[in-house]
Structure formats: structure tokens, C-alpha cells
């Protein structure tokens, strides 16, 4: 999964414990115990790995943010349109 520099650095420092994403087909394949490889947007050679310790599903990003407000927040509309969110829902990966 690609991350911008600031979120990448926060994951790298182990300060970020969750990743919130659209629950599209690619994310639906992720299970507890899987390894997520995070890739820095600006440098595809810079990567780090985190294990998925839990999954939680939500209907909308707003619902996920209510639960994980201190951990994660971004403008989902910048990345996904309303139809995608309605069709797929949202998944929160707990990282370790």
C-alpha cells in the first residue's frame, strides 16, 4: 500500500497503529496475520512491513474515524468517490 511521506514516517516510527482504507477487492483479501508492505509514494524503493493484528469493518469513513479519530484521518473524498465507498465499505487494519 502506498503512503505519502508523513504517514509513512509515522508508521515507520510505530506511532501509527491503524491504517484505514476502502475495503475494495484487494483489501478484502487481507487477513489477520498477513504482512502489509507500505511503499513511500515519492520513492517506490522505500518500503516497510507491518503485520495485521486485527480487522474492523465500517460502512463509511466517518464511522471509522469516530472509532479511530486520534489514530487516522484524511479526506477520503480525495481518494475515493461516494459510489466506491457505498459499494465497498471501509476496513481498518490494526498494525503491529
N, C-alpha and C. Protein backbone atom coordinates (compact mmCIF):
# COMPACT_ATOMS: atom_id res chain seq x y z
N UNK A 1 0.84 -1.17 0.00
CA UNK A 1 0.00 0.00 0.00
C UNK A 1 0.89 1.24 0.00
N UNK A 2 0.54 2.18 -0.82
CA UNK A 2 1.31 3.42 -0.91
C UNK A 2 0.90 4.42 0.17
N UNK A 3 1.89 5.12 0.70
CA UNK A 3 1.65 6.17 1.69
C UNK A 3 2.46 7.41 1.32
N UNK A 4 1.88 8.57 1.62
CA UNK A 4 2.61 9.83 1.50
C UNK A 4 3.70 9.86 2.58
N UNK A 5 4.59 10.83 2.48
CA UNK A 5 5.76 10.85 3.36
C UNK A 5 5.42 10.92 4.85
N UNK A 6 4.52 11.82 5.23
CA UNK A 6 4.21 11.97 6.66
C UNK A 6 3.60 10.69 7.24
N UNK A 7 2.54 10.14 6.64
CA UNK A 7 2.00 8.89 7.20
C UNK A 7 3.03 7.75 7.19
N UNK A 8 3.87 7.71 6.15
CA UNK A 8 4.90 6.68 6.08
C UNK A 8 5.84 6.78 7.28
N UNK A 9 6.29 7.99 7.58
CA UNK A 9 7.20 8.21 8.71
C UNK A 9 6.54 7.84 10.04
N UNK A 10 5.24 8.12 10.16
CA UNK A 10 4.53 7.79 11.40
C UNK A 10 4.42 6.27 11.56
N UNK A 11 4.13 5.56 10.48
CA UNK A 11 4.09 4.09 10.55
C UNK A 11 5.49 3.57 10.87
N UNK A 12 6.49 4.13 10.23
CA UNK A 12 7.88 3.71 10.43
C UNK A 12 8.30 3.86 11.90
N UNK A 13 7.83 4.91 12.56
CA UNK A 13 8.19 5.16 13.96
C UNK A 13 7.34 4.35 14.94
N UNK A 14 6.43 3.55 14.41
CA UNK A 14 5.48 2.75 15.22
C UNK A 14 4.49 3.60 16.00
N UNK A 15 4.32 4.85 15.62
CA UNK A 15 3.33 5.72 16.26
C UNK A 15 1.94 5.51 15.69
N UNK A 16 1.86 5.05 14.46
CA UNK A 16 0.58 4.82 13.80
C UNK A 16 0.23 3.35 13.94
N UNK A 17 -0.89 3.08 14.57
CA UNK A 17 -1.27 1.71 14.88
C UNK A 17 -2.40 1.16 14.01
N UNK A 18 -3.02 2.03 13.19
CA UNK A 18 -4.09 1.57 12.30
C UNK A 18 -3.92 2.19 10.91
N UNK A 19 -4.44 1.50 9.93
CA UNK A 19 -4.50 2.00 8.56
C UNK A 19 -5.94 1.86 8.10
N UNK A 20 -6.54 2.96 7.67
CA UNK A 20 -7.93 2.98 7.22
C UNK A 20 -7.94 3.05 5.70
N UNK A 21 -8.66 2.12 5.08
CA UNK A 21 -8.71 2.05 3.61
C UNK A 21 -10.10 1.66 3.12
N UNK A 22 -10.34 1.95 1.85
CA UNK A 22 -11.52 1.44 1.17
C UNK A 22 -11.42 -0.08 1.18
N UNK A 23 -12.50 -0.76 1.46
CA UNK A 23 -12.49 -2.22 1.50
C UNK A 23 -12.77 -2.81 0.11
N UNK A 24 -11.90 -2.44 -0.82
CA UNK A 24 -12.03 -2.94 -2.20
C UNK A 24 -11.55 -4.38 -2.27
N UNK A 25 -11.59 -4.97 -3.45
CA UNK A 25 -11.23 -6.38 -3.63
C UNK A 25 -9.83 -6.69 -3.12
N UNK A 26 -8.90 -5.79 -3.36
CA UNK A 26 -7.52 -6.01 -2.91
C UNK A 26 -7.44 -6.08 -1.39
N UNK A 27 -8.14 -5.18 -0.70
CA UNK A 27 -8.09 -5.16 0.78
C UNK A 27 -8.93 -6.27 1.38
N UNK A 28 -9.96 -6.74 0.67
CA UNK A 28 -10.77 -7.84 1.17
C UNK A 28 -9.97 -9.14 1.28
N UNK A 29 -8.89 -9.23 0.55
CA UNK A 29 -8.04 -10.42 0.58
C UNK A 29 -7.10 -10.45 1.79
N UNK A 30 -6.97 -9.33 2.48
CA UNK A 30 -6.05 -9.24 3.63
C UNK A 30 -6.70 -9.89 4.85
N UNK A 31 -5.92 -10.71 5.55
CA UNK A 31 -6.40 -11.40 6.74
C UNK A 31 -5.48 -11.11 7.93
N UNK A 32 -5.98 -11.36 9.12
CA UNK A 32 -5.16 -11.22 10.33
C UNK A 32 -3.94 -12.12 10.17
N UNK A 33 -2.78 -11.57 10.49
CA UNK A 33 -1.53 -12.30 10.36
C UNK A 33 -0.79 -11.99 9.08
N UNK A 34 -1.47 -11.42 8.09
CA UNK A 34 -0.82 -11.05 6.84
C UNK A 34 0.15 -9.89 7.07
N UNK A 35 1.10 -9.76 6.18
CA UNK A 35 2.05 -8.66 6.20
C UNK A 35 1.63 -7.65 5.14
N UNK A 36 1.51 -6.37 5.54
CA UNK A 36 1.26 -5.30 4.59
C UNK A 36 2.60 -4.62 4.32
N UNK A 37 2.90 -4.45 3.06
CA UNK A 37 4.10 -3.71 2.66
C UNK A 37 3.68 -2.30 2.29
N UNK A 38 4.17 -1.34 3.06
CA UNK A 38 3.91 0.07 2.79
C UNK A 38 5.05 0.61 1.94
N UNK A 39 4.68 1.36 0.90
CA UNK A 39 5.64 1.91 -0.04
C UNK A 39 5.50 3.42 -0.03
N UNK A 40 6.61 4.11 0.05
CA UNK A 40 6.62 5.57 0.03
C UNK A 40 6.27 6.05 -1.37
N UNK A 41 5.23 6.92 -1.49
CA UNK A 41 4.80 7.42 -2.79
C UNK A 41 5.95 8.02 -3.60
N UNK A 42 6.77 8.82 -2.95
CA UNK A 42 7.80 9.56 -3.67
C UNK A 42 9.04 8.73 -4.00
N UNK A 43 9.11 7.50 -3.48
CA UNK A 43 10.27 6.65 -3.72
C UNK A 43 9.85 5.19 -3.58
N UNK A 44 9.50 4.59 -4.69
CA UNK A 44 8.98 3.22 -4.66
C UNK A 44 9.97 2.19 -4.12
N UNK A 45 11.21 2.58 -3.89
CA UNK A 45 12.18 1.63 -3.33
C UNK A 45 12.18 1.66 -1.79
N UNK A 46 11.55 2.68 -1.20
CA UNK A 46 11.49 2.79 0.25
C UNK A 46 10.23 2.08 0.74
N UNK A 47 10.43 1.00 1.49
CA UNK A 47 9.31 0.16 1.93
C UNK A 47 9.49 -0.22 3.39
N UNK A 48 8.37 -0.57 4.00
CA UNK A 48 8.41 -1.15 5.33
C UNK A 48 7.25 -2.12 5.48
N UNK A 49 7.39 -3.05 6.40
CA UNK A 49 6.39 -4.09 6.60
C UNK A 49 5.77 -3.99 7.98
N UNK A 50 4.47 -4.25 8.04
CA UNK A 50 3.76 -4.34 9.31
C UNK A 50 2.79 -5.52 9.22
N UNK A 51 2.62 -6.20 10.33
CA UNK A 51 1.70 -7.32 10.42
C UNK A 51 0.30 -6.81 10.78
N UNK A 52 -0.72 -7.46 10.25
CA UNK A 52 -2.11 -7.13 10.56
C UNK A 52 -2.52 -7.93 11.79
N UNK A 53 -2.84 -7.22 12.87
CA UNK A 53 -3.22 -7.90 14.11
C UNK A 53 -4.74 -7.99 14.29
N UNK A 54 -5.49 -7.14 13.58
CA UNK A 54 -6.95 -7.17 13.65
C UNK A 54 -7.52 -6.43 12.46
N UNK A 55 -8.76 -6.75 12.13
CA UNK A 55 -9.51 -6.07 11.07
C UNK A 55 -10.84 -5.61 11.65
N UNK A 56 -11.29 -4.46 11.23
CA UNK A 56 -12.61 -3.98 11.62
C UNK A 56 -13.25 -3.32 10.41
N UNK A 57 -14.52 -3.62 10.18
CA UNK A 57 -15.23 -3.11 9.01
C UNK A 57 -16.26 -2.06 9.39
N UNK A 58 -16.40 -1.06 8.52
CA UNK A 58 -17.34 0.03 8.71
C UNK A 58 -18.02 0.31 7.37
N UNK A 59 -19.19 0.95 7.43
CA UNK A 59 -19.90 1.32 6.21
C UNK A 59 -19.31 2.56 5.56
N UNK A 60 -18.78 3.47 6.38
CA UNK A 60 -18.27 4.73 5.86
C UNK A 60 -16.96 5.11 6.57
N UNK A 61 -16.23 6.03 5.97
CA UNK A 61 -15.03 6.55 6.60
C UNK A 61 -15.39 7.32 7.87
N UNK A 62 -16.52 8.02 7.85
CA UNK A 62 -16.96 8.78 9.02
C UNK A 62 -17.11 7.86 10.23
N UNK A 63 -17.73 6.70 10.03
CA UNK A 63 -17.88 5.73 11.13
C UNK A 63 -16.51 5.26 11.64
N UNK A 64 -15.61 4.97 10.72
CA UNK A 64 -14.27 4.52 11.12
C UNK A 64 -13.55 5.61 11.88
N UNK A 65 -13.67 6.85 11.43
CA UNK A 65 -12.98 7.96 12.09
C UNK A 65 -13.53 8.22 13.50
N UNK A 66 -14.82 7.97 13.71
CA UNK A 66 -15.38 8.13 15.05
C UNK A 66 -14.70 7.16 16.02
N UNK A 67 -14.42 5.97 15.54
CA UNK A 67 -13.78 4.95 16.38
C UNK A 67 -12.29 5.21 16.56
N UNK A 68 -11.63 5.69 15.49
CA UNK A 68 -10.18 5.81 15.48
C UNK A 68 -9.71 7.24 15.22
N UNK A 69 -10.46 8.20 15.70
CA UNK A 69 -10.19 9.61 15.39
C UNK A 69 -8.76 10.03 15.72
N UNK A 70 -8.23 9.60 16.85
CA UNK A 70 -6.88 10.02 17.25
C UNK A 70 -5.81 9.37 16.38
N UNK A 71 -6.10 8.24 15.80
CA UNK A 71 -5.11 7.49 15.04
C UNK A 71 -5.01 7.90 13.57
N UNK A 72 -6.14 8.12 12.94
CA UNK A 72 -6.15 8.21 11.49
C UNK A 72 -7.23 9.18 11.03
N UNK A 73 -6.88 10.03 10.09
CA UNK A 73 -7.90 10.86 9.47
C UNK A 73 -7.34 11.47 8.20
N UNK A 74 -8.06 11.35 7.13
CA UNK A 74 -7.70 12.01 5.89
C UNK A 74 -8.97 12.25 5.10
N UNK A 75 -8.87 13.05 4.10
CA UNK A 75 -10.04 13.38 3.28
C UNK A 75 -10.28 12.26 2.28
N UNK A 76 -11.13 11.33 2.64
CA UNK A 76 -11.41 10.17 1.80
C UNK A 76 -11.90 10.58 0.42
N UNK A 77 -12.59 11.69 0.35
CA UNK A 77 -13.11 12.17 -0.92
C UNK A 77 -12.00 12.45 -1.92
N UNK A 78 -10.79 12.71 -1.43
CA UNK A 78 -9.67 12.94 -2.33
C UNK A 78 -9.23 11.66 -3.04
N UNK A 79 -9.54 10.53 -2.45
CA UNK A 79 -9.08 9.25 -2.98
C UNK A 79 -10.19 8.39 -3.55
N UNK A 80 -11.36 8.45 -2.96
CA UNK A 80 -12.46 7.56 -3.35
C UNK A 80 -13.74 8.36 -3.56
N UNK A 81 -14.53 7.92 -4.54
CA UNK A 81 -15.82 8.59 -4.72
C UNK A 81 -16.89 7.90 -3.87
N UNK A 82 -17.99 8.57 -3.69
CA UNK A 82 -19.06 8.09 -2.81
C UNK A 82 -19.57 6.72 -3.24
N UNK A 83 -19.65 6.46 -4.54
CA UNK A 83 -20.14 5.17 -5.03
C UNK A 83 -19.21 4.03 -4.60
N UNK A 84 -17.89 4.27 -4.69
CA UNK A 84 -16.93 3.25 -4.25
C UNK A 84 -17.10 2.95 -2.76
N UNK A 85 -17.28 3.99 -1.97
CA UNK A 85 -17.43 3.81 -0.53
C UNK A 85 -18.71 3.05 -0.22
N UNK A 86 -19.80 3.42 -0.89
CA UNK A 86 -21.08 2.75 -0.68
C UNK A 86 -21.00 1.28 -1.08
N UNK A 87 -20.34 0.99 -2.19
CA UNK A 87 -20.25 -0.38 -2.69
C UNK A 87 -19.29 -1.26 -1.89
N UNK A 88 -18.20 -0.68 -1.39
CA UNK A 88 -17.16 -1.49 -0.76
C UNK A 88 -17.10 -1.39 0.76
N UNK A 89 -17.47 -0.25 1.30
CA UNK A 89 -17.29 -0.04 2.73
C UNK A 89 -15.85 0.31 3.05
N UNK A 90 -15.52 0.25 4.32
CA UNK A 90 -14.21 0.70 4.81
C UNK A 90 -13.65 -0.40 5.72
N UNK A 91 -12.35 -0.57 5.68
CA UNK A 91 -11.69 -1.52 6.57
C UNK A 91 -10.60 -0.80 7.35
N UNK A 92 -10.46 -1.16 8.62
CA UNK A 92 -9.39 -0.64 9.46
C UNK A 92 -8.48 -1.82 9.80
N UNK A 93 -7.21 -1.67 9.43
CA UNK A 93 -6.20 -2.68 9.75
C UNK A 93 -5.48 -2.22 11.01
N UNK A 94 -5.48 -3.02 12.05
CA UNK A 94 -4.62 -2.76 13.22
C UNK A 94 -3.24 -3.32 12.90
N UNK A 95 -2.22 -2.52 13.15
CA UNK A 95 -0.85 -2.87 12.76
C UNK A 95 0.01 -3.20 13.97
N UNK A 96 0.93 -4.13 13.74
CA UNK A 96 1.95 -4.38 14.77
C UNK A 96 3.26 -4.72 14.09
